[in-house]
Amino acid sequence: MLHEQVIDVSASLQPWVSQITTTSEGAGQIMLDQPDHAATLVLRTMPGDEVALHLVGPQTKARYHLGTPGLVRVNMRLHPGRARLLLDRPPRDLVDQVLSLPVTHEREGGFVNLSAEVRRLAEALVDGVPVSGKDLDRSRLVTAASDMLVTADIQASARRLHVSERHLRAAFVGEVGLPPKKFARIERIRRVLESGRANTWTDTALEAGYYDHSHMTFEFRSIMGTSPSVFFGGLRSGVHCKGTFERAVEVVDPRM
C-alpha cells in the first residue's frame, strides 16, 4: 500500500513551493508518476542507502513503475518559474526530463533524517536566489491564466487578463516550458485524477473542463495511456495492483 503524508508549507516557502508530500512504496505495486505542468524536487532514500536528489521537470504523460520496497520520497512541488531560477536553465529544457542534483545528508541511528533534508532544501530555495519584480509578474500572470485556460481558449484568456495572446504564450513557455494549450490539457487530467471517480463520467468531464465524456476519454487515454474506466477500475488505495491493469499500460522496472 502507498503511504502518503502531506506536509504543511511554511510561509517562507510558499512563494517557492506549492505542496510537500512524503510517500513510501511497497512490493507488488504499480506506482503512478502523474503528468504535471510543474517541476518537482524529489528526495529519495532507502534504509541504509545514500539519499538521491532529483529535479523532475514538467511531465506531459503519465509514467508507471514497479514499487521498490522501503523506498521513501519527499516531493516538493514548485511554483511555475522557480525551477528556472534555481537552475538558471530554460524550463523547456526540463520538460519530460529528470535531473540528478548534489545533496548532503545527516543520519540518525543509521537512517537518513528526512526532516533535516527537507529543512536543508528549504533553506537552499529561500536563501541566495534573487527574485525580481519581473519574475513575479510573469509567475502571477501564469497563475492567473491557469484556471481560465481549463475552460477558455488562449484568446479569451488573454483578453480577460488585458495582455496580448503572444505575451501570454511567451509567459507560459518562459515560466513553465509548455505552451498554454498543453498546460491546460495536463491540468484537466489532474482534475480528473483528483476527483477520484466521485461522480458520473459526464459530471466528472464537465467539472474538469471538458466538452463531454468522449472528449475526456480521448485526452485521458492520450496522456494516461489507458481509458478512465480501466484506470480507476484498477486503482487500490492510491496505487495500482498488478494484474489486468499491468497489461493495459507500459510499466517500467526502476531497477533495470
C-alpha atoms as a PDB file:
ATOM      1  CA  MET A   1       0.000   0.000   0.000  1.00  0.00           C
ATOM      2  CA  LEU A   2       1.139   3.521  -0.776  1.00  0.00           C
ATOM      3  CA  HIS A   3       1.518   5.710   2.296  1.00  0.00           C
ATOM      4  CA  GLU A   4       1.350   9.443   1.612  1.00  0.00           C
ATOM      5  CA  GLN A   5       1.559  12.318   4.044  1.00  0.00           C
ATOM      6  CA  VAL A   6       1.025  15.996   3.270  1.00  0.00           C
ATOM      7  CA  ILE A   7       3.430  18.396   4.993  1.00  0.00           C
ATOM      8  CA  ASP A   8       2.468  22.000   5.648  1.00  0.00           C
ATOM      9  CA  VAL A   9       4.342  24.526   3.511  1.00  0.00           C
ATOM     10  CA  SER A  10       5.799  27.251   5.727  1.00  0.00           C
ATOM     11  CA  ALA A  11       5.141  30.911   4.976  1.00  0.00           C
ATOM     12  CA  SER A  12       8.757  31.445   3.910  1.00  0.00           C
ATOM     13  CA  LEU A  13       8.486  28.606   1.368  1.00  0.00           C
ATOM     14  CA  GLN A  14       5.059  29.435  -0.053  1.00  0.00           C
ATOM     15  CA  PRO A  15       6.454  31.753  -2.775  1.00  0.00           C
ATOM     16  CA  TRP A  16       8.522  28.779  -3.975  1.00  0.00           C
ATOM     17  CA  VAL A  17       6.678  25.559  -3.130  1.00  0.00           C
ATOM     18  CA  SER A  18       3.008  24.725  -3.728  1.00  0.00           C
ATOM     19  CA  GLN A  19       2.949  21.337  -1.962  1.00  0.00           C
ATOM     20  CA  ILE A  20       5.185  18.969   0.034  1.00  0.00           C
ATOM     21  CA  THR A  21       4.337  15.284   0.429  1.00  0.00           C
ATOM     22  CA  THR A  22       6.141  12.159   1.600  1.00  0.00           C
ATOM     23  CA  THR A  23       5.396   8.771   0.031  1.00  0.00           C
ATOM     24  CA  SER A  24       6.590   5.235   0.659  1.00  0.00           C
ATOM     25  CA  GLU A  25       6.412   2.310  -1.739  1.00  0.00           C
ATOM     26  CA  GLY A  26       5.841  -1.404  -1.352  1.00  0.00           C
ATOM     27  CA  ALA A  27       6.473  -4.539  -3.378  1.00  0.00           C
ATOM     28  CA  GLY A  28       3.967  -5.871  -5.887  1.00  0.00           C
ATOM     29  CA  GLN A  29       2.525  -2.472  -6.738  1.00  0.00           C
ATOM     30  CA  ILE A  30       2.408  -0.377  -9.863  1.00  0.00           C
ATOM     31  CA  MET A  31       3.185   3.202  -8.912  1.00  0.00           C
ATOM     32  CA  LEU A  32       1.905   6.209 -10.834  1.00  0.00           C
ATOM     33  CA  ASP A  33       4.009   9.274 -11.641  1.00  0.00           C
ATOM     34  CA  GLN A  34       1.296  11.741 -12.590  1.00  0.00           C
ATOM     35  CA  PRO A  35       1.502  14.097 -15.538  1.00  0.00           C
ATOM     36  CA  ASP A  36       2.302  17.538 -14.181  1.00  0.00           C
ATOM     37  CA  HIS A  37       2.921  21.019 -15.575  1.00  0.00           C
ATOM     38  CA  ALA A  38       5.055  21.895 -12.538  1.00  0.00           C
ATOM     39  CA  ALA A  39       8.606  20.852 -11.693  1.00  0.00           C
ATOM     40  CA  THR A  40       9.196  18.854  -8.510  1.00  0.00           C
ATOM     41  CA  LEU A  41      12.229  18.322  -6.281  1.00  0.00           C
ATOM     42  CA  VAL A  42      12.262  14.664  -5.214  1.00  0.00           C
ATOM     43  CA  LEU A  43      14.409  13.362  -2.361  1.00  0.00           C
ATOM     44  CA  ARG A  44      14.639   9.554  -2.485  1.00  0.00           C
ATOM     45  CA  THR A  45      16.072   7.236   0.166  1.00  0.00           C
ATOM     46  CA  MET A  46      16.042   3.613   1.273  1.00  0.00           C
ATOM     47  CA  PRO A  47      17.071   2.356   4.728  1.00  0.00           C
ATOM     48  CA  GLY A  48      20.867   2.191   4.887  1.00  0.00           C
ATOM     49  CA  ASP A  49      21.360   3.690   1.412  1.00  0.00           C
ATOM     50  CA  GLU A  50      22.594   7.079   0.290  1.00  0.00           C
ATOM     51  CA  VAL A  51      19.956   9.634  -0.486  1.00  0.00           C
ATOM     52  CA  ALA A  52      19.440  10.926  -4.015  1.00  0.00           C
ATOM     53  CA  LEU A  53      18.013  14.265  -5.069  1.00  0.00           C
ATOM     54  CA  HIS A  54      16.311  14.730  -8.428  1.00  0.00           C
ATOM     55  CA  LEU A  55      14.554  17.552 -10.175  1.00  0.00           C
ATOM     56  CA  VAL A  56      11.622  16.187 -12.155  1.00  0.00           C
ATOM     57  CA  GLY A  57      10.680  18.620 -14.889  1.00  0.00           C
ATOM     58  CA  PRO A  58       7.137  19.076 -16.198  1.00  0.00           C
ATOM     59  CA  GLN A  59       5.824  15.677 -17.308  1.00  0.00           C
ATOM     60  CA  THR A  60       3.483  15.573 -20.307  1.00  0.00           C
ATOM     61  CA  LYS A  61       2.423  11.929 -19.899  1.00  0.00           C
ATOM     62  CA  ALA A  62       1.813   9.505 -17.049  1.00  0.00           C
ATOM     63  CA  ARG A  63       4.568   7.044 -16.170  1.00  0.00           C
ATOM     64  CA  TYR A  64       4.157   3.767 -14.301  1.00  0.00           C
ATOM     65  CA  HIS A  65       6.853   1.860 -12.431  1.00  0.00           C
ATOM     66  CA  LEU A  66       7.118  -1.103 -10.105  1.00  0.00           C
ATOM     67  CA  GLY A  67       7.201  -0.226  -6.428  1.00  0.00           C
ATOM     68  CA  THR A  68      10.523  -0.556  -4.585  1.00  0.00           C
ATOM     69  CA  PRO A  69      10.105  -1.926  -1.029  1.00  0.00           C
ATOM     70  CA  GLY A  70      11.302   0.543   1.598  1.00  0.00           C
ATOM     71  CA  LEU A  71      11.750   3.456  -0.773  1.00  0.00           C
ATOM     72  CA  VAL A  72      10.660   6.800   0.699  1.00  0.00           C
ATOM     73  CA  ARG A  73      10.272  10.027  -1.276  1.00  0.00           C
ATOM     74  CA  VAL A  74       9.873  13.632  -0.206  1.00  0.00           C
ATOM     75  CA  ASN A  75       8.231  15.569  -3.039  1.00  0.00           C
ATOM     76  CA  MET A  76       8.483  19.370  -3.142  1.00  0.00           C
ATOM     77  CA  ARG A  77       6.279  20.659  -5.970  1.00  0.00           C
ATOM     78  CA  LEU A  78       7.482  24.052  -7.191  1.00  0.00           C
ATOM     79  CA  HIS A  79       5.518  27.015  -8.482  1.00  0.00           C
ATOM     80  CA  PRO A  80       5.968  27.886 -12.174  1.00  0.00           C
ATOM     81  CA  GLY A  81       9.271  29.630 -12.872  1.00  0.00           C
ATOM     82  CA  ARG A  82      11.011  28.542  -9.682  1.00  0.00           C
ATOM     83  CA  ALA A  83      12.944  25.705 -11.347  1.00  0.00           C
ATOM     84  CA  ARG A  84      14.278  28.247 -13.843  1.00  0.00           C
ATOM     85  CA  LEU A  85      15.521  30.452 -11.022  1.00  0.00           C
ATOM     86  CA  LEU A  86      17.097  27.574  -9.106  1.00  0.00           C
ATOM     87  CA  LEU A  87      18.950  26.029 -12.035  1.00  0.00           C
ATOM     88  CA  ASP A  88      19.270  29.033 -14.352  1.00  0.00           C
ATOM     89  CA  ARG A  89      18.021  26.886 -17.225  1.00  0.00           C
ATOM     90  CA  PRO A  90      15.154  27.449 -19.673  1.00  0.00           C
ATOM     91  CA  PRO A  91      12.100  25.481 -18.457  1.00  0.00           C
ATOM     92  CA  ARG A  92      11.586  23.998 -21.939  1.00  0.00           C
ATOM     93  CA  ASP A  93      14.861  22.090 -21.431  1.00  0.00           C
ATOM     94  CA  LEU A  94      13.343  20.417 -18.330  1.00  0.00           C
ATOM     95  CA  VAL A  95      10.148  19.068 -19.943  1.00  0.00           C
ATOM     96  CA  ASP A  96       9.928  15.264 -19.579  1.00  0.00           C
ATOM     97  CA  GLN A  97      13.407  15.225 -18.011  1.00  0.00           C
ATOM     98  CA  VAL A  98      14.729  14.033 -14.633  1.00  0.00           C
ATOM     99  CA  LEU A  99      17.961  15.647 -13.451  1.00  0.00           C
ATOM    100  CA  SER A 100      20.214  14.417 -10.645  1.00  0.00           C
ATOM    101  CA  LEU A 101      21.311  17.110  -8.192  1.00  0.00           C
ATOM    102  CA  PRO A 102      24.005  17.040  -5.491  1.00  0.00           C
ATOM    103  CA  VAL A 103      22.832  16.577  -1.904  1.00  0.00           C
ATOM    104  CA  THR A 104      24.379  16.054   1.512  1.00  0.00           C
ATOM    105  CA  HIS A 105      22.581  14.353   4.348  1.00  0.00           C
ATOM    106  CA  GLU A 106      22.548  13.640   8.065  1.00  0.00           C
ATOM    107  CA  ARG A 107      21.903  10.291   9.724  1.00  0.00           C
ATOM    108  CA  GLU A 108      20.262   9.395  12.995  1.00  0.00           C
ATOM    109  CA  GLY A 109      20.712   5.808  14.133  1.00  0.00           C
ATOM    110  CA  GLY A 110      21.751   4.719  10.659  1.00  0.00           C
ATOM    111  CA  PHE A 111      18.737   6.260   8.916  1.00  0.00           C
ATOM    112  CA  VAL A 112      18.570   9.389   6.822  1.00  0.00           C
ATOM    113  CA  ASN A 113      16.995  12.299   8.680  1.00  0.00           C
ATOM    114  CA  LEU A 114      14.389  13.314   6.109  1.00  0.00           C
ATOM    115  CA  SER A 115      13.189  16.259   8.185  1.00  0.00           C
ATOM    116  CA  ALA A 116      16.727  17.674   8.177  1.00  0.00           C
ATOM    117  CA  GLU A 117      16.959  17.165   4.420  1.00  0.00           C
ATOM    118  CA  VAL A 118      13.683  18.976   3.806  1.00  0.00           C
ATOM    119  CA  ARG A 119      14.860  21.839   6.006  1.00  0.00           C
ATOM    120  CA  ARG A 120      18.162  21.998   4.145  1.00  0.00           C
ATOM    121  CA  LEU A 121      16.408  22.053   0.777  1.00  0.00           C
ATOM    122  CA  ALA A 122      14.048  24.749   2.008  1.00  0.00           C
ATOM    123  CA  GLU A 123      16.953  26.904   3.108  1.00  0.00           C
ATOM    124  CA  ALA A 124      18.627  26.445  -0.279  1.00  0.00           C
ATOM    125  CA  LEU A 125      15.437  27.532  -2.006  1.00  0.00           C
ATOM    126  CA  VAL A 126      14.887  30.653   0.060  1.00  0.00           C
ATOM    127  CA  ASP A 127      18.463  31.855   0.552  1.00  0.00           C
ATOM    128  CA  GLY A 128      20.678  33.286  -2.122  1.00  0.00           C
ATOM    129  CA  VAL A 129      18.318  33.071  -5.112  1.00  0.00           C
ATOM    130  CA  PRO A 130      17.130  36.535  -6.164  1.00  0.00           C
ATOM    131  CA  VAL A 131      13.572  37.003  -7.403  1.00  0.00           C
ATOM    132  CA  SER A 132      12.979  40.153  -9.416  1.00  0.00           C
ATOM    133  CA  GLY A 133       9.735  42.031  -9.853  1.00  0.00           C
ATOM    134  CA  LYS A 134       9.659  40.867 -13.481  1.00  0.00           C
ATOM    135  CA  ASP A 135       9.920  37.231 -12.366  1.00  0.00           C
ATOM    136  CA  LEU A 136       6.987  37.684 -10.001  1.00  0.00           C
ATOM    137  CA  ASP A 137       4.882  39.439 -12.631  1.00  0.00           C
ATOM    138  CA  ARG A 138       5.306  36.592 -15.118  1.00  0.00           C
ATOM    139  CA  SER A 139       4.624  33.971 -12.462  1.00  0.00           C
ATOM    140  CA  ARG A 140       1.464  35.792 -11.365  1.00  0.00           C
ATOM    141  CA  LEU A 141       0.281  36.033 -14.969  1.00  0.00           C
ATOM    142  CA  VAL A 142       0.706  32.292 -15.440  1.00  0.00           C
ATOM    143  CA  THR A 143      -1.116  31.602 -12.172  1.00  0.00           C
ATOM    144  CA  ALA A 144      -3.993  33.913 -13.105  1.00  0.00           C
ATOM    145  CA  ALA A 145      -4.360  32.285 -16.530  1.00  0.00           C
ATOM    146  CA  SER A 146      -4.159  28.690 -15.272  1.00  0.00           C
ATOM    147  CA  ASP A 147      -7.803  28.316 -14.244  1.00  0.00           C
ATOM    148  CA  MET A 148      -9.077  30.303 -17.215  1.00  0.00           C
ATOM    149  CA  LEU A 149      -7.349  28.087 -19.767  1.00  0.00           C
ATOM    150  CA  VAL A 150      -9.115  24.971 -18.495  1.00  0.00           C
ATOM    151  CA  THR A 151     -12.430  26.146 -19.938  1.00  0.00           C
ATOM    152  CA  ALA A 152     -11.484  29.077 -22.224  1.00  0.00           C
ATOM    153  CA  ASP A 153      -9.141  29.346 -25.194  1.00  0.00           C
ATOM    154  CA  ILE A 154      -5.985  31.428 -25.098  1.00  0.00           C
ATOM    155  CA  GLN A 155      -7.559  34.345 -26.998  1.00  0.00           C
ATOM    156  CA  ALA A 156     -10.342  34.738 -24.426  1.00  0.00           C
ATOM    157  CA  SER A 157      -7.930  34.290 -21.524  1.00  0.00           C
ATOM    158  CA  ALA A 158      -5.565  36.929 -22.887  1.00  0.00           C
ATOM    159  CA  ARG A 159      -8.423  39.406 -23.306  1.00  0.00           C
ATOM    160  CA  ARG A 160      -9.604  38.865 -19.721  1.00  0.00           C
ATOM    161  CA  LEU A 161      -6.064  39.451 -18.455  1.00  0.00           C
ATOM    162  CA  HIS A 162      -5.555  42.534 -20.674  1.00  0.00           C
ATOM    163  CA  VAL A 163      -2.461  41.138 -22.387  1.00  0.00           C
ATOM    164  CA  SER A 164      -1.783  40.021 -25.938  1.00  0.00           C
ATOM    165  CA  GLU A 165      -2.070  36.373 -26.926  1.00  0.00           C
ATOM    166  CA  ARG A 166       1.602  36.439 -27.908  1.00  0.00           C
ATOM    167  CA  HIS A 167       2.588  37.798 -24.485  1.00  0.00           C
ATOM    168  CA  LEU A 168       0.589  35.093 -22.700  1.00  0.00           C
ATOM    169  CA  ARG A 169       2.121  32.304 -24.793  1.00  0.00           C
ATOM    170  CA  ALA A 170       5.606  33.663 -24.134  1.00  0.00           C
ATOM    171  CA  ALA A 171       4.923  33.793 -20.388  1.00  0.00           C
ATOM    172  CA  PHE A 172       3.900  30.131 -20.301  1.00  0.00           C
ATOM    173  CA  VAL A 173       6.814  28.899 -22.384  1.00  0.00           C
ATOM    174  CA  GLY A 174       9.228  31.067 -20.420  1.00  0.00           C
ATOM    175  CA  GLU A 175       7.953  30.173 -16.946  1.00  0.00           C
ATOM    176  CA  VAL A 176       6.607  26.624 -17.349  1.00  0.00           C
ATOM    177  CA  GLY A 177       8.260  25.335 -20.516  1.00  0.00           C
ATOM    178  CA  LEU A 178       4.886  24.363 -22.008  1.00  0.00           C
ATOM    179  CA  PRO A 179       2.532  26.209 -24.365  1.00  0.00           C
ATOM    180  CA  PRO A 180      -0.803  27.187 -22.796  1.00  0.00           C
ATOM    181  CA  LYS A 181      -2.835  24.544 -24.636  1.00  0.00           C
ATOM    182  CA  LYS A 182      -0.664  21.681 -23.388  1.00  0.00           C
ATOM    183  CA  PHE A 183      -0.637  23.195 -19.897  1.00  0.00           C
ATOM    184  CA  ALA A 184      -4.457  23.192 -19.898  1.00  0.00           C
ATOM    185  CA  ARG A 185      -4.644  19.582 -21.136  1.00  0.00           C
ATOM    186  CA  ILE A 186      -2.464  18.419 -18.247  1.00  0.00           C
ATOM    187  CA  GLU A 187      -4.434  20.491 -15.727  1.00  0.00           C
ATOM    188  CA  ARG A 188      -7.736  18.944 -16.859  1.00  0.00           C
ATOM    189  CA  ILE A 189      -6.292  15.437 -16.475  1.00  0.00           C
ATOM    190  CA  ARG A 190      -5.054  16.268 -12.986  1.00  0.00           C
ATOM    191  CA  ARG A 191      -8.544  17.436 -12.053  1.00  0.00           C
ATOM    192  CA  VAL A 192      -9.978  14.107 -13.192  1.00  0.00           C
ATOM    193  CA  LEU A 193      -7.366  12.259 -11.120  1.00  0.00           C
ATOM    194  CA  GLU A 194      -8.179  14.381  -8.058  1.00  0.00           C
ATOM    195  CA  SER A 195     -11.887  13.682  -8.427  1.00  0.00           C
ATOM    196  CA  GLY A 196     -11.233  10.011  -7.703  1.00  0.00           C
ATOM    197  CA  ARG A 197     -14.225   8.984  -9.849  1.00  0.00           C
ATOM    198  CA  ALA A 198     -16.610  10.554  -7.316  1.00  0.00           C
ATOM    199  CA  ASN A 199     -19.321  11.395  -9.892  1.00  0.00           C
ATOM    200  CA  THR A 200     -20.715  10.056 -13.148  1.00  0.00           C
ATOM    201  CA  TRP A 201     -18.324  10.194 -16.088  1.00  0.00           C
ATOM    202  CA  THR A 202     -20.331  13.030 -17.638  1.00  0.00           C
ATOM    203  CA  ASP A 203     -20.264  15.096 -14.432  1.00  0.00           C
ATOM    204  CA  THR A 204     -16.552  14.379 -13.958  1.00  0.00           C
ATOM    205  CA  ALA A 205     -15.821  15.510 -17.519  1.00  0.00           C
ATOM    206  CA  LEU A 206     -17.789  18.748 -17.233  1.00  0.00           C
ATOM    207  CA  GLU A 207     -16.357  19.645 -13.821  1.00  0.00           C
ATOM    208  CA  ALA A 208     -12.805  19.096 -15.117  1.00  0.00           C
ATOM    209  CA  GLY A 209     -13.399  21.442 -18.077  1.00  0.00           C
ATOM    210  CA  TYR A 210     -14.110  19.008 -20.929  1.00  0.00           C
ATOM    211  CA  TYR A 211     -16.846  19.427 -23.520  1.00  0.00           C
ATOM    212  CA  ASP A 212     -18.264  15.991 -22.788  1.00  0.00           C
ATOM    213  CA  HIS A 213     -17.459  12.412 -21.740  1.00  0.00           C
ATOM    214  CA  SER A 214     -15.920  11.443 -25.094  1.00  0.00           C
ATOM    215  CA  HIS A 215     -13.630  14.487 -25.060  1.00  0.00           C
ATOM    216  CA  MET A 216     -12.376  13.482 -21.611  1.00  0.00           C
ATOM    217  CA  THR A 217     -11.872   9.849 -22.624  1.00  0.00           C
ATOM    218  CA  PHE A 218      -9.836  10.806 -25.708  1.00  0.00           C
ATOM    219  CA  GLU A 219      -7.482  13.118 -23.802  1.00  0.00           C
ATOM    220  CA  PHE A 220      -7.242  10.780 -20.800  1.00  0.00           C
ATOM    221  CA  ARG A 221      -6.174   7.872 -22.996  1.00  0.00           C
ATOM    222  CA  SER A 222      -3.638  10.075 -24.792  1.00  0.00           C
ATOM    223  CA  ILE A 223      -1.944  11.266 -21.582  1.00  0.00           C
ATOM    224  CA  MET A 224      -2.578   8.416 -19.123  1.00  0.00           C
ATOM    225  CA  GLY A 225      -2.049   5.532 -21.545  1.00  0.00           C
ATOM    226  CA  THR A 226      -5.410   3.902 -20.866  1.00  0.00           C
ATOM    227  CA  SER A 227      -9.099   4.763 -20.559  1.00  0.00           C
ATOM    228  CA  PRO A 228     -10.616   6.330 -17.424  1.00  0.00           C
ATOM    229  CA  SER A 229     -12.675   3.195 -16.708  1.00  0.00           C
ATOM    230  CA  VAL A 230      -9.621   0.908 -16.846  1.00  0.00           C
ATOM    231  CA  PHE A 231      -7.515   3.327 -14.816  1.00  0.00           C
ATOM    232  CA  PHE A 232      -9.993   3.837 -11.987  1.00  0.00           C
ATOM    233  CA  GLY A 233     -11.070   0.197 -12.107  1.00  0.00           C
ATOM    234  CA  GLY A 234      -7.514  -0.856 -11.232  1.00  0.00           C
ATOM    235  CA  LEU A 235      -6.945   1.731  -8.525  1.00  0.00           C
ATOM    236  CA  ARG A 236      -6.339   0.467  -4.982  1.00  0.00           C
ATOM    237  CA  SER A 237      -5.597   2.964  -2.171  1.00  0.00           C
ATOM    238  CA  GLY A 238      -3.662   5.331  -4.399  1.00  0.00           C
ATOM    239  CA  VAL A 239      -1.677   2.677  -6.293  1.00  0.00           C
ATOM    240  CA  HIS A 240      -2.461   0.082  -8.933  1.00  0.00           C
ATOM    241  CA  CYS A 241      -2.266  -3.603  -8.123  1.00  0.00           C
ATOM    242  CA  LYS A 242      -0.551  -5.871 -10.601  1.00  0.00           C
ATOM    243  CA  GLY A 243      -2.784  -7.890 -12.896  1.00  0.00           C
ATOM    244  CA  THR A 244      -5.160  -6.720 -15.598  1.00  0.00           C
ATOM    245  CA  PHE A 245      -4.069  -3.121 -15.240  1.00  0.00           C
ATOM    246  CA  GLU A 246      -0.404  -4.063 -15.730  1.00  0.00           C
ATOM    247  CA  ARG A 247      -1.275  -5.432 -19.169  1.00  0.00           C
ATOM    248  CA  ALA A 248      -3.077  -2.200 -20.096  1.00  0.00           C
ATOM    249  CA  VAL A 249      -0.168   0.207 -19.558  1.00  0.00           C
ATOM    250  CA  GLU A 250       3.598   0.257 -20.014  1.00  0.00           C
ATOM    251  CA  VAL A 251       5.267  -0.431 -16.664  1.00  0.00           C
ATOM    252  CA  VAL A 252       8.966   0.281 -16.109  1.00  0.00           C
ATOM    253  CA  ASP A 253      11.129  -1.573 -13.600  1.00  0.00           C
ATOM    254  CA  PRO A 254      13.200   1.224 -11.965  1.00  0.00           C
ATOM    255  CA  ARG A 255      15.924  -1.249 -11.041  1.00  0.00           C
ATOM    256  CA  MET A 256      16.715  -2.031 -14.691  1.00  0.00           C
END
